[in-house]
Structures are given as structure tokens and as C-alpha cells.
Amino acid sequence: YIAVVTEQEYQKMQTHHFLNRIYEGNVRSLVSTLLQQDVL
């Protein structure tokens, strides 16, 4: 079995999907949430 999609490509696709689905593509909102929730 041979991967057609690399792990990095998958991570990139999933990041875009998550950002668009949850934050409507707004990166600033994502970063704001990370900072406000003391995730980092």
C-alpha cells in the first residue's frame, strides 16, 4: 500500500478544512481563541 497523499499534504488539507468550517476562514479568530483559552 502506497500513500498518494503525504502526511504534510493531509495536515494542510485538514487545517484548511477546519479553518473554513469552524472559523469561516478567519485565521485571526483561530489565533484569538488559542490565546484566550490559554491553549498555548
PDB file of all heavy atoms in Angstrom:
ATOM      1  N   TYR A   1       0.852  -1.186   0.000  1.00  0.00           N
ATOM      2  CA  TYR A   1       0.000   0.000   0.000  1.00  0.00           C
ATOM      3  C   TYR A   1       0.887   1.234   0.000  1.00  0.00           C
ATOM      4  O   TYR A   1       1.806   1.350   0.808  1.00  0.00           O
ATOM      5  CB  TYR A   1      -0.945  -0.021   1.199  1.00  0.00           C
ATOM      6  CG  TYR A   1      -1.946  -1.140   1.051  1.00  0.00           C
ATOM      7  CD1 TYR A   1      -1.693  -2.410   1.565  1.00  0.00           C
ATOM      8  CD2 TYR A   1      -3.119  -0.938   0.340  1.00  0.00           C
ATOM      9  CE1 TYR A   1      -2.588  -3.448   1.388  1.00  0.00           C
ATOM     10  CE2 TYR A   1      -4.031  -1.971   0.157  1.00  0.00           C
ATOM     11  CZ  TYR A   1      -3.752  -3.220   0.686  1.00  0.00           C
ATOM     12  OH  TYR A   1      -4.646  -4.238   0.488  1.00  0.00           O
ATOM     13  N   ILE A   2       0.596   2.135  -0.932  1.00  0.00           N
ATOM     14  CA  ILE A   2       1.426   3.317  -1.142  1.00  0.00           C
ATOM     15  C   ILE A   2       0.574   4.572  -0.963  1.00  0.00           C
ATOM     16  O   ILE A   2      -0.481   4.715  -1.592  1.00  0.00           O
ATOM     17  CB  ILE A   2       2.043   3.300  -2.555  1.00  0.00           C
ATOM     18  CG1 ILE A   2       2.854   2.003  -2.742  1.00  0.00           C
ATOM     19  CG2 ILE A   2       2.895   4.532  -2.808  1.00  0.00           C
ATOM     20  CD1 ILE A   2       3.135   1.649  -4.171  1.00  0.00           C
ATOM     21  N   ALA A   3       1.049   5.463  -0.110  1.00  0.00           N
ATOM     22  CA  ALA A   3       0.330   6.720   0.134  1.00  0.00           C
ATOM     23  C   ALA A   3       0.415   7.612  -1.105  1.00  0.00           C
ATOM     24  O   ALA A   3       1.497   7.827  -1.647  1.00  0.00           O
ATOM     25  CB  ALA A   3       0.915   7.435   1.343  1.00  0.00           C
ATOM     26  N   VAL A   4      -0.720   8.106  -1.542  1.00  0.00           N
ATOM     27  CA  VAL A   4      -0.780   9.059  -2.644  1.00  0.00           C
ATOM     28  C   VAL A   4      -0.680  10.477  -2.086  1.00  0.00           C
ATOM     29  O   VAL A   4      -0.198  11.384  -2.743  1.00  0.00           O
ATOM     30  CB  VAL A   4      -2.091   8.870  -3.446  1.00  0.00           C
ATOM     31  CG1 VAL A   4      -2.246   9.917  -4.525  1.00  0.00           C
ATOM     32  CG2 VAL A   4      -2.145   7.465  -4.048  1.00  0.00           C
ATOM     33  N   VAL A   5      -1.103  10.631  -0.842  1.00  0.00           N
ATOM     34  CA  VAL A   5      -1.096  11.918  -0.144  1.00  0.00           C
ATOM     35  C   VAL A   5      -0.078  11.822   0.985  1.00  0.00           C
ATOM     36  O   VAL A   5      -0.107  10.876   1.769  1.00  0.00           O
ATOM     37  CB  VAL A   5      -2.496  12.228   0.429  1.00  0.00           C
ATOM     38  CG1 VAL A   5      -2.495  13.500   1.244  1.00  0.00           C
ATOM     39  CG2 VAL A   5      -3.530  12.293  -0.678  1.00  0.00           C
ATOM     40  N   THR A   6       0.835  12.787   1.062  1.00  0.00           N
ATOM     41  CA  THR A   6       1.798  12.798   2.161  1.00  0.00           C
ATOM     42  C   THR A   6       1.118  13.269   3.448  1.00  0.00           C
ATOM     43  O   THR A   6       0.043  13.878   3.410  1.00  0.00           O
ATOM     44  CB  THR A   6       2.995  13.717   1.872  1.00  0.00           C
ATOM     45  OG1 THR A   6       2.537  15.079   1.861  1.00  0.00           O
ATOM     46  CG2 THR A   6       3.681  13.374   0.558  1.00  0.00           C
ATOM     47  N   GLU A   7       1.766  13.007   4.551  1.00  0.00           N
ATOM     48  CA  GLU A   7       1.224  13.457   5.832  1.00  0.00           C
ATOM     49  C   GLU A   7       1.122  14.984   5.869  1.00  0.00           C
ATOM     50  O   GLU A   7       0.142  15.534   6.372  1.00  0.00           O
ATOM     51  CB  GLU A   7       2.101  12.949   6.973  1.00  0.00           C
ATOM     52  CG  GLU A   7       1.519  13.195   8.335  1.00  0.00           C
ATOM     53  CD  GLU A   7       2.274  12.497   9.446  1.00  0.00           C
ATOM     54  OE1 GLU A   7       3.439  12.085   9.236  1.00  0.00           O
ATOM     55  OE2 GLU A   7       1.701  12.361  10.531  1.00  0.00           O
ATOM     56  N   GLN A   8       2.122  15.668   5.307  1.00  0.00           N
ATOM     57  CA  GLN A   8       2.099  17.132   5.288  1.00  0.00           C
ATOM     58  C   GLN A   8       0.953  17.659   4.419  1.00  0.00           C
ATOM     59  O   GLN A   8       0.287  18.628   4.791  1.00  0.00           O
ATOM     60  CB  GLN A   8       3.441  17.677   4.779  1.00  0.00           C
ATOM     61  CG  GLN A   8       4.610  17.414   5.710  1.00  0.00           C
ATOM     62  CD  GLN A   8       5.116  15.963   5.657  1.00  0.00           C
ATOM     63  OE1 GLN A   8       4.895  15.239   4.684  1.00  0.00           O
ATOM     64  NE2 GLN A   8       5.778  15.531   6.709  1.00  0.00           N
ATOM     65  N   GLU A   9       0.704  17.010   3.281  1.00  0.00           N
ATOM     66  CA  GLU A   9      -0.418  17.423   2.430  1.00  0.00           C
ATOM     67  C   GLU A   9      -1.743  17.219   3.160  1.00  0.00           C
ATOM     68  O   GLU A   9      -2.627  18.072   3.111  1.00  0.00           O
ATOM     69  CB  GLU A   9      -0.427  16.617   1.120  1.00  0.00           C
ATOM     70  CG  GLU A   9       0.688  16.973   0.166  1.00  0.00           C
ATOM     71  CD  GLU A   9       0.788  16.014  -1.003  1.00  0.00           C
ATOM     72  OE1 GLU A   9       0.430  14.815  -0.866  1.00  0.00           O
ATOM     73  OE2 GLU A   9       1.234  16.470  -2.073  1.00  0.00           O
ATOM     74  N   TYR A  10      -1.859  16.097   3.854  1.00  0.00           N
ATOM     75  CA  TYR A  10      -3.077  15.814   4.605  1.00  0.00           C
ATOM     76  C   TYR A  10      -3.294  16.848   5.706  1.00  0.00           C
ATOM     77  O   TYR A  10      -4.391  17.371   5.879  1.00  0.00           O
ATOM     78  CB  TYR A  10      -3.025  14.400   5.203  1.00  0.00           C
ATOM     79  CG  TYR A  10      -4.250  14.074   6.002  1.00  0.00           C
ATOM     80  CD1 TYR A  10      -5.454  13.776   5.365  1.00  0.00           C
ATOM     81  CD2 TYR A  10      -4.226  14.087   7.391  1.00  0.00           C
ATOM     82  CE1 TYR A  10      -6.598  13.506   6.102  1.00  0.00           C
ATOM     83  CE2 TYR A  10      -5.353  13.813   8.129  1.00  0.00           C
ATOM     84  CZ  TYR A  10      -6.543  13.519   7.482  1.00  0.00           C
ATOM     85  OH  TYR A  10      -7.678  13.258   8.222  1.00  0.00           O
ATOM     86  N   GLN A  11      -2.215  17.147   6.443  1.00  0.00           N
ATOM     87  CA  GLN A  11      -2.324  18.146   7.510  1.00  0.00           C
ATOM     88  C   GLN A  11      -2.748  19.494   6.951  1.00  0.00           C
ATOM     89  O   GLN A  11      -3.590  20.196   7.542  1.00  0.00           O
ATOM     90  CB  GLN A  11      -0.997  18.267   8.255  1.00  0.00           C
ATOM     91  CG  GLN A  11      -0.670  17.065   9.100  1.00  0.00           C
ATOM     92  CD  GLN A  11       0.740  17.082   9.642  1.00  0.00           C
ATOM     93  OE1 GLN A  11       1.600  17.826   9.186  1.00  0.00           O
ATOM     94  NE2 GLN A  11       0.996  16.239  10.633  1.00  0.00           N
ATOM     95  N   LYS A  12      -2.188  19.866   5.819  1.00  0.00           N
ATOM     96  CA  LYS A  12      -2.542  21.138   5.191  1.00  0.00           C
ATOM     97  C   LYS A  12      -4.018  21.158   4.788  1.00  0.00           C
ATOM     98  O   LYS A  12      -4.732  22.128   5.065  1.00  0.00           O
ATOM     99  CB  LYS A  12      -1.649  21.376   3.969  1.00  0.00           C
ATOM    100  CG  LYS A  12      -1.892  22.699   3.289  1.00  0.00           C
ATOM    101  CD  LYS A  12      -0.934  22.890   2.124  1.00  0.00           C
ATOM    102  CE  LYS A  12      -1.218  24.193   1.404  1.00  0.00           C
ATOM    103  NZ  LYS A  12      -0.312  24.401   0.280  1.00  0.00           N
ATOM    104  N   MET A  13      -4.477  20.072   4.165  1.00  0.00           N
ATOM    105  CA  MET A  13      -5.887  19.994   3.753  1.00  0.00           C
ATOM    106  C   MET A  13      -6.810  20.066   4.962  1.00  0.00           C
ATOM    107  O   MET A  13      -7.823  20.764   4.933  1.00  0.00           O
ATOM    108  CB  MET A  13      -6.145  18.691   2.984  1.00  0.00           C
ATOM    109  CG  MET A  13      -5.565  18.676   1.597  1.00  0.00           C
ATOM    110  SD  MET A  13      -5.994  17.183   0.672  1.00  0.00           S
ATOM    111  CE  MET A  13      -5.092  15.915   1.554  1.00  0.00           C
ATOM    112  N   GLN A  14      -6.456  19.337   6.025  1.00  0.00           N
ATOM    113  CA  GLN A  14      -7.301  19.313   7.213  1.00  0.00           C
ATOM    114  C   GLN A  14      -7.313  20.663   7.931  1.00  0.00           C
ATOM    115  O   GLN A  14      -8.333  21.071   8.470  1.00  0.00           O
ATOM    116  CB  GLN A  14      -6.858  18.194   8.157  1.00  0.00           C
ATOM    117  CG  GLN A  14      -7.193  16.819   7.632  1.00  0.00           C
ATOM    118  CD  GLN A  14      -8.664  16.670   7.322  1.00  0.00           C
ATOM    119  OE1 GLN A  14      -9.528  16.856   8.178  1.00  0.00           O
ATOM    120  NE2 GLN A  14      -8.977  16.348   6.076  1.00  0.00           N
ATOM    121  N   THR A  15      -6.169  21.327   7.928  1.00  0.00           N
ATOM    122  CA  THR A  15      -6.101  22.655   8.547  1.00  0.00           C
ATOM    123  C   THR A  15      -7.019  23.630   7.818  1.00  0.00           C
ATOM    124  O   THR A  15      -7.788  24.365   8.451  1.00  0.00           O
ATOM    125  CB  THR A  15      -4.648  23.171   8.555  1.00  0.00           C
ATOM    126  OG1 THR A  15      -3.851  22.251   9.303  1.00  0.00           O
ATOM    127  CG2 THR A  15      -4.558  24.553   9.170  1.00  0.00           C
ATOM    128  N   HIS A  16      -6.954  23.615   6.490  1.00  0.00           N
ATOM    129  CA  HIS A  16      -7.827  24.495   5.697  1.00  0.00           C
ATOM    130  C   HIS A  16      -9.296  24.142   5.927  1.00  0.00           C
ATOM    131  O   HIS A  16     -10.135  25.027   6.094  1.00  0.00           O
ATOM    132  CB  HIS A  16      -7.492  24.402   4.205  1.00  0.00           C
ATOM    133  CG  HIS A  16      -6.266  25.153   3.824  1.00  0.00           C
ATOM    134  ND1 HIS A  16      -6.249  26.520   3.656  1.00  0.00           N
ATOM    135  CD2 HIS A  16      -5.002  24.729   3.602  1.00  0.00           C
ATOM    136  CE1 HIS A  16      -5.035  26.901   3.335  1.00  0.00           C
ATOM    137  NE2 HIS A  16      -4.252  25.837   3.296  1.00  0.00           N
ATOM    138  N   HIS A  17      -9.590  22.844   5.959  1.00  0.00           N
ATOM    139  CA  HIS A  17     -10.972  22.404   6.170  1.00  0.00           C
ATOM    140  C   HIS A  17     -11.478  22.882   7.536  1.00  0.00           C
ATOM    141  O   HIS A  17     -12.576  23.433   7.641  1.00  0.00           O
ATOM    142  CB  HIS A  17     -11.048  20.872   6.069  1.00  0.00           C
ATOM    143  CG  HIS A  17     -12.396  20.320   6.355  1.00  0.00           C
ATOM    144  ND1 HIS A  17     -13.439  20.408   5.455  1.00  0.00           N
ATOM    145  CD2 HIS A  17     -12.885  19.676   7.440  1.00  0.00           C
ATOM    146  CE1 HIS A  17     -14.512  19.845   5.976  1.00  0.00           C
ATOM    147  NE2 HIS A  17     -14.193  19.398   7.186  1.00  0.00           N
ATOM    148  N   PHE A  18     -10.663  22.671   8.575  1.00  0.00           N
ATOM    149  CA  PHE A  18     -11.036  23.083   9.925  1.00  0.00           C
ATOM    150  C   PHE A  18     -11.226  24.601  10.002  1.00  0.00           C
ATOM    151  O   PHE A  18     -12.228  25.093  10.527  1.00  0.00           O
ATOM    152  CB  PHE A  18      -9.956  22.638  10.919  1.00  0.00           C
ATOM    153  CG  PHE A  18     -10.172  23.137  12.315  1.00  0.00           C
ATOM    154  CD1 PHE A  18     -11.096  22.534  13.149  1.00  0.00           C
ATOM    155  CD2 PHE A  18      -9.455  24.227  12.803  1.00  0.00           C
ATOM    156  CE1 PHE A  18     -11.308  22.994  14.434  1.00  0.00           C
ATOM    157  CE2 PHE A  18      -9.657  24.696  14.088  1.00  0.00           C
ATOM    158  CZ  PHE A  18     -10.584  24.082  14.914  1.00  0.00           C
ATOM    159  N   LEU A  19     -10.260  25.332   9.459  1.00  0.00           N
ATOM    160  CA  LEU A  19     -10.323  26.792   9.497  1.00  0.00           C
ATOM    161  C   LEU A  19     -11.577  27.311   8.797  1.00  0.00           C
ATOM    162  O   LEU A  19     -12.274  28.178   9.318  1.00  0.00           O
ATOM    163  CB  LEU A  19      -9.065  27.384   8.854  1.00  0.00           C
ATOM    164  CG  LEU A  19      -8.932  28.896   8.882  1.00  0.00           C
ATOM    165  CD1 LEU A  19      -8.866  29.418  10.312  1.00  0.00           C
ATOM    166  CD2 LEU A  19      -7.688  29.325   8.123  1.00  0.00           C
ATOM    167  N   ASN A  20     -11.885  26.744   7.645  1.00  0.00           N
ATOM    168  CA  ASN A  20     -13.066  27.188   6.897  1.00  0.00           C
ATOM    169  C   ASN A  20     -14.363  26.773   7.578  1.00  0.00           C
ATOM    170  O   ASN A  20     -15.316  27.561   7.636  1.00  0.00           O
ATOM    171  CB  ASN A  20     -13.025  26.658   5.464  1.00  0.00           C
ATOM    172  CG  ASN A  20     -11.957  27.349   4.648  1.00  0.00           C
ATOM    173  OD1 ASN A  20     -11.627  28.507   4.872  1.00  0.00           O
ATOM    174  ND2 ASN A  20     -11.377  26.624   3.709  1.00  0.00           N
ATOM    175  N   ARG A  21     -14.401  25.555   8.112  1.00  0.00           N
ATOM    176  CA  ARG A  21     -15.635  25.034   8.713  1.00  0.00           C
ATOM    177  C   ARG A  21     -15.944  25.705  10.050  1.00  0.00           C
ATOM    178  O   ARG A  21     -17.074  26.093  10.319  1.00  0.00           O
ATOM    179  CB  ARG A  21     -15.509  23.521   8.896  1.00  0.00           C
ATOM    180  CG  ARG A  21     -16.771  22.835   9.349  1.00  0.00           C
ATOM    181  CD  ARG A  21     -16.654  21.319   9.265  1.00  0.00           C
ATOM    182  NE  ARG A  21     -15.495  20.811   9.961  1.00  0.00           N
ATOM    183  CZ  ARG A  21     -15.505  20.359  11.218  1.00  0.00           C
ATOM    184  NH1 ARG A  21     -16.611  20.346  11.904  1.00  0.00           N
ATOM    185  NH2 ARG A  21     -14.389  19.906  11.761  1.00  0.00           N
ATOM    186  N   ILE A  22     -14.931  25.868  10.879  1.00  0.00           N
ATOM    187  CA  ILE A  22     -15.162  26.385  12.234  1.00  0.00           C
ATOM    188  C   ILE A  22     -15.048  27.905  12.311  1.00  0.00           C
ATOM    189  O   ILE A  22     -15.829  28.565  12.985  1.00  0.00           O
ATOM    190  CB  ILE A  22     -14.179  25.735  13.241  1.00  0.00           C
ATOM    191  CG1 ILE A  22     -14.290  24.211  13.202  1.00  0.00           C
ATOM    192  CG2 ILE A  22     -14.390  26.271  14.651  1.00  0.00           C
ATOM    193  CD1 ILE A  22     -15.647  23.657  13.576  1.00  0.00           C
ATOM    194  N   TYR A  23     -14.075  28.467  11.602  1.00  0.00           N
ATOM    195  CA  TYR A  23     -13.792  29.902  11.718  1.00  0.00           C
ATOM    196  C   TYR A  23     -14.091  30.680  10.452  1.00  0.00           C
ATOM    197  O   TYR A  23     -13.676  31.829  10.323  1.00  0.00           O
ATOM    198  CB  TYR A  23     -12.330  30.113  12.133  1.00  0.00           C
ATOM    199  CG  TYR A  23     -12.064  29.646  13.538  1.00  0.00           C
ATOM    200  CD1 TYR A  23     -11.529  28.386  13.775  1.00  0.00           C
ATOM    201  CD2 TYR A  23     -12.375  30.444  14.622  1.00  0.00           C
ATOM    202  CE1 TYR A  23     -11.304  27.942  15.075  1.00  0.00           C
ATOM    203  CE2 TYR A  23     -12.158  30.015  15.918  1.00  0.00           C
ATOM    204  CZ  TYR A  23     -11.617  28.755  16.134  1.00  0.00           C
ATOM    205  OH  TYR A  23     -11.398  28.331  17.409  1.00  0.00           O
ATOM    206  N   GLU A  24     -14.786  30.052   9.504  1.00  0.00           N
ATOM    207  CA  GLU A  24     -15.141  30.690   8.236  1.00  0.00           C
ATOM    208  C   GLU A  24     -13.921  31.318   7.564  1.00  0.00           C
ATOM    209  O   GLU A  24     -13.996  32.392   6.978  1.00  0.00           O
ATOM    210  CB  GLU A  24     -16.260  31.708   8.442  1.00  0.00           C
ATOM    211  CG  GLU A  24     -17.549  31.057   8.937  1.00  0.00           C
ATOM    212  CD  GLU A  24     -18.667  32.046   9.210  1.00  0.00           C
ATOM    213  OE1 GLU A  24     -18.447  33.276   9.127  1.00  0.00           O
ATOM    214  OE2 GLU A  24     -19.773  31.570   9.509  1.00  0.00           O
ATOM    215  N   GLY A  25     -12.771  30.649   7.702  1.00  0.00           N
ATOM    216  CA  GLY A  25     -11.548  31.088   7.052  1.00  0.00           C
ATOM    217  C   GLY A  25     -10.810  32.206   7.771  1.00  0.00           C
ATOM    218  O   GLY A  25      -9.794  32.688   7.285  1.00  0.00           O
ATOM    219  N   ASN A  26     -11.281  32.622   8.938  1.00  0.00           N
ATOM    220  CA  ASN A  26     -10.700  33.749   9.658  1.00  0.00           C
ATOM    221  C   ASN A  26      -9.588  33.263  10.605  1.00  0.00           C
ATOM    222  O   ASN A  26      -9.852  32.788  11.708  1.00  0.00           O
ATOM    223  CB  ASN A  26     -11.797  34.477  10.441  1.00  0.00           C
ATOM    224  CG  ASN A  26     -11.314  35.767  11.041  1.00  0.00           C
ATOM    225  OD1 ASN A  26     -10.167  35.875  11.471  1.00  0.00           O
ATOM    226  ND2 ASN A  26     -12.190  36.748  11.103  1.00  0.00           N
ATOM    227  N   VAL A  27      -8.348  33.399  10.166  1.00  0.00           N
ATOM    228  CA  VAL A  27      -7.194  32.956  10.951  1.00  0.00           C
ATOM    229  C   VAL A  27      -7.097  33.734  12.255  1.00  0.00           C
ATOM    230  O   VAL A  27      -6.760  33.178  13.303  1.00  0.00           O
ATOM    231  CB  VAL A  27      -5.893  33.103  10.127  1.00  0.00           C
ATOM    232  CG1 VAL A  27      -4.682  32.746  10.963  1.00  0.00           C
ATOM    233  CG2 VAL A  27      -5.954  32.244   8.881  1.00  0.00           C
ATOM    234  N   ARG A  28      -7.396  35.009  12.206  1.00  0.00           N
ATOM    235  CA  ARG A  28      -7.311  35.842  13.409  1.00  0.00           C
ATOM    236  C   ARG A  28      -8.216  35.304  14.521  1.00  0.00           C
ATOM    237  O   ARG A  28      -7.828  35.270  15.691  1.00  0.00           O
ATOM    238  CB  ARG A  28      -7.689  37.287  13.075  1.00  0.00           C
ATOM    239  CG  ARG A  28      -7.583  38.201  14.286  1.00  0.00           C
ATOM    240  CD  ARG A  28      -7.846  39.613  13.923  1.00  0.00           C
ATOM    241  NE  ARG A  28      -6.704  40.067  13.119  1.00  0.00           N
ATOM    242  CZ  ARG A  28      -6.582  41.272  12.636  1.00  0.00           C
ATOM    243  NH1 ARG A  28      -7.527  42.162  12.838  1.00  0.00           N
ATOM    244  NH2 ARG A  28      -5.535  41.618  11.934  1.00  0.00           N
ATOM    245  N   SER A  29      -9.405  34.827  14.156  1.00  0.00           N
ATOM    246  CA  SER A  29     -10.309  34.254  15.156  1.00  0.00           C
ATOM    247  C   SER A  29      -9.737  32.979  15.765  1.00  0.00           C
ATOM    248  O   SER A  29      -9.863  32.750  16.967  1.00  0.00           O
ATOM    249  CB  SER A  29     -11.678  33.949  14.533  1.00  0.00           C
ATOM    250  OG  SER A  29     -12.331  35.127  14.185  1.00  0.00           O
ATOM    251  N   LEU A  30      -9.109  32.167  14.946  1.00  0.00           N
ATOM    252  CA  LEU A  30      -8.481  30.947  15.445  1.00  0.00           C
ATOM    253  C   LEU A  30      -7.380  31.286  16.438  1.00  0.00           C
ATOM    254  O   LEU A  30      -7.340  30.753  17.552  1.00  0.00           O
ATOM    255  CB  LEU A  30      -7.909  30.119  14.293  1.00  0.00           C
ATOM    256  CG  LEU A  30      -7.005  28.952  14.684  1.00  0.00           C
ATOM    257  CD1 LEU A  30      -7.744  27.929  15.526  1.00  0.00           C
ATOM    258  CD2 LEU A  30      -6.410  28.307  13.446  1.00  0.00           C
ATOM    259  N   VAL A  31      -6.490  32.179  16.060  1.00  0.00           N
ATOM    260  CA  VAL A  31      -5.377  32.558  16.936  1.00  0.00           C
ATOM    261  C   VAL A  31      -5.910  33.202  18.205  1.00  0.00           C
ATOM    262  O   VAL A  31      -5.432  32.911  19.311  1.00  0.00           O
ATOM    263  CB  VAL A  31      -4.390  33.492  16.194  1.00  0.00           C
ATOM    264  CG1 VAL A  31      -3.338  34.041  17.151  1.00  0.00           C
ATOM    265  CG2 VAL A  31      -3.746  32.755  15.030  1.00  0.00           C
ATOM    266  N   SER A  32      -6.924  34.032  18.079  1.00  0.00           N
ATOM    267  CA  SER A  32      -7.527  34.673  19.239  1.00  0.00           C
ATOM    268  C   SER A  32      -8.069  33.616  20.216  1.00  0.00           C
ATOM    269  O   SER A  32      -7.862  33.714  21.423  1.00  0.00           O
ATOM    270  CB  SER A  32      -8.652  35.597  18.783  1.00  0.00           C
ATOM    271  OG  SER A  32      -9.325  36.136  19.882  1.00  0.00           O
ATOM    272  N   THR A  33      -8.724  32.602  19.684  1.00  0.00           N
ATOM    273  CA  THR A  33      -9.247  31.529  20.527  1.00  0.00           C
ATOM    274  C   THR A  33      -8.113  30.799  21.234  1.00  0.00           C
ATOM    275  O   THR A  33      -8.194  30.510  22.432  1.00  0.00           O
ATOM    276  CB  THR A  33     -10.064  30.528  19.681  1.00  0.00           C
ATOM    277  OG1 THR A  33     -11.163  31.220  19.098  1.00  0.00           O
ATOM    278  CG2 THR A  33     -10.571  29.373  20.524  1.00  0.00           C
ATOM    279  N   LEU A  34      -7.043  30.504  20.503  1.00  0.00           N
ATOM    280  CA  LEU A  34      -5.904  29.816  21.109  1.00  0.00           C
ATOM    281  C   LEU A  34      -5.322  30.634  22.257  1.00  0.00           C
ATOM    282  O   LEU A  34      -4.964  30.096  23.306  1.00  0.00           O
ATOM    283  CB  LEU A  34      -4.827  29.539  20.057  1.00  0.00           C
ATOM    284  CG  LEU A  34      -5.181  28.534  18.966  1.00  0.00           C
ATOM    285  CD1 LEU A  34      -4.093  28.511  17.896  1.00  0.00           C
ATOM    286  CD2 LEU A  34      -5.406  27.158  19.555  1.00  0.00           C
ATOM    287  N   LEU A  35      -5.222  31.930  22.063  1.00  0.00           N
ATOM    288  CA  LEU A  35      -4.655  32.792  23.097  1.00  0.00           C
ATOM    289  C   LEU A  35      -5.612  32.966  24.284  1.00  0.00           C
ATOM    290  O   LEU A  35      -5.187  32.904  25.435  1.00  0.00           O
ATOM    291  CB  LEU A  35      -4.293  34.154  22.503  1.00  0.00           C
ATOM    292  CG  LEU A  35      -3.163  34.143  21.473  1.00  0.00           C
ATOM    293  CD1 LEU A  35      -3.027  35.515  20.826  1.00  0.00           C
ATOM    294  CD2 LEU A  35      -1.860  33.719  22.111  1.00  0.00           C
ATOM    295  N   GLN A  36      -6.877  33.184  24.001  1.00  0.00           N
ATOM    296  CA  GLN A  36      -7.850  33.416  25.069  1.00  0.00           C
ATOM    297  C   GLN A  36      -8.073  32.187  25.938  1.00  0.00           C
ATOM    298  O   GLN A  36      -8.352  32.310  27.124  1.00  0.00           O
ATOM    299  CB  GLN A  36      -9.188  33.871  24.485  1.00  0.00           C
ATOM    300  CG  GLN A  36      -9.143  35.259  23.900  1.00  0.00           C
ATOM    301  CD  GLN A  36     -10.429  35.609  23.163  1.00  0.00           C
ATOM    302  OE1 GLN A  36     -11.365  34.838  23.135  1.00  0.00           O
ATOM    303  NE2 GLN A  36     -10.450  36.794  22.559  1.00  0.00           N
ATOM    304  N   GLN A  37      -7.956  31.019  25.345  1.00  0.00           N
ATOM    305  CA  GLN A  37      -8.207  29.788  26.094  1.00  0.00           C
ATOM    306  C   GLN A  37      -6.948  29.228  26.746  1.00  0.00           C
ATOM    307  O   GLN A  37      -6.966  28.127  27.274  1.00  0.00           O
ATOM    308  CB  GLN A  37      -8.814  28.729  25.154  1.00  0.00           C
ATOM    309  CG  GLN A  37     -10.133  29.128  24.552  1.00  0.00           C
ATOM    310  CD  GLN A  37     -11.200  29.363  25.613  1.00  0.00           C
ATOM    311  OE1 GLN A  37     -11.341  28.579  26.541  1.00  0.00           O
ATOM    312  NE2 GLN A  37     -11.931  30.453  25.486  1.00  0.00           N
ATOM    313  N   ASP A  38      -5.851  29.970  26.676  1.00  0.00           N
ATOM    314  CA  ASP A  38      -4.579  29.521  27.236  1.00  0.00           C
ATOM    315  C   ASP A  38      -4.180  28.139  26.705  1.00  0.00           C
ATOM    316  O   ASP A  38      -3.653  27.307  27.434  1.00  0.00           O
ATOM    317  CB  ASP A  38      -4.620  29.495  28.770  1.00  0.00           C
ATOM    318  CG  ASP A  38      -4.650  30.895  29.365  1.00  0.00           C
ATOM    319  OD1 ASP A  38      -4.081  31.813  28.739  1.00  0.00           O
ATOM    320  OD2 ASP A  38      -5.247  31.063  30.441  1.00  0.00           O
ATOM    321  N   VAL A  39      -4.442  27.911  25.415  1.00  0.00           N
ATOM    322  CA  VAL A  39      -4.072  26.653  24.775  1.00  0.00           C
ATOM    323  C   VAL A  39      -2.566  26.610  24.555  1.00  0.00           C
ATOM    324  O   VAL A  39      -1.940  25.560  24.667  1.00  0.00           O
ATOM    325  CB  VAL A  39      -4.836  26.477  23.437  1.00  0.00           C
ATOM    326  CG1 VAL A  39      -4.358  25.255  22.681  1.00  0.00           C
ATOM    327  CG2 VAL A  39      -6.332  26.397  23.696  1.00  0.00           C
ATOM    328  N   LEU A  40      -1.980  27.764  24.271  1.00  0.00           N
ATOM    329  CA  LEU A  40      -0.548  27.843  24.010  1.00  0.00           C
ATOM    330  C   LEU A  40       0.200  28.162  25.300  1.00  0.00           C
ATOM    331  O   LEU A  40      -0.163  29.074  26.034  1.00  0.00           O
ATOM    332  CB  LEU A  40      -0.249  28.951  22.990  1.00  0.00           C
ATOM    333  CG  LEU A  40      -0.826  28.779  21.594  1.00  0.00           C
ATOM    334  CD1 LEU A  40      -0.576  30.028  20.763  1.00  0.00           C
ATOM    335  CD2 LEU A  40      -0.229  27.566  20.916  1.00  0.00           C
TER     336      LEU A  40
END
